[in-house]
Amino acid sequence: MNRIQKIGIAILIIILLAAIIFLVLSPGFGPIGEGGIPVDKVAADRVKYGLLNNTRYLESPLTTFNKMNPTLNGKSIAQQSKNISPTQLCIGKGDFSANNTFQFIQTENNVILRYSGNSQRARLGIICDAAKRLAADLQNQSIATGEMQCGDGGTSFPDKSETYCVLILRNA
């Protein structure tokens, strides 16, 4: 191999390394929730899947709550999923019930779960069904919601046939 070919290969390697570094460090291309996909978007996608697969529990890929992505906002999730109202959405702290860095903020017809720490990796579980059957669905699948609040202001599922979804924080 002559000197020009060696220089060409070295330049190609440098360009490939620069492209990889750019993709890893760019805000739009980072891991979910780390300057990449906002946590509410991940949650809205889970709600869409949950509504298509009633009674089936599904989990998201790893997501990260941090100062850039600190909240799960029921109204935002409902608007993005387009198939449920904020009052039909519940959020459970799940595996993080004992973690005081996650706090509920209750507003009228909305539920918000805010993270106040530096960084916490988690998965978002989702299950949707008629509200009156959700507690049994969770129990049959051995899933604990932990401390929970719903957008309608309740802390448990109402006795309604209307579809509700519950998002549950799970350990990474």
Foldseek 3Di string as FASTA:
>chain_A
DDPVVVVVVVVVVVVVVVVVVCQCPPLCRHDAARSHPAPLLQLLVQVLVQVVVALDKDKTDKHKDAPVRFKHKLCSSCVNNVPDFQQQEKEFQFVCLVPPQWDWDADALIIMTGGNDGMAIWMKMKHKFQLLCVVVSCVVVVGDRRAMAGSNGDRGGDNGRDMHMYIGTGHD
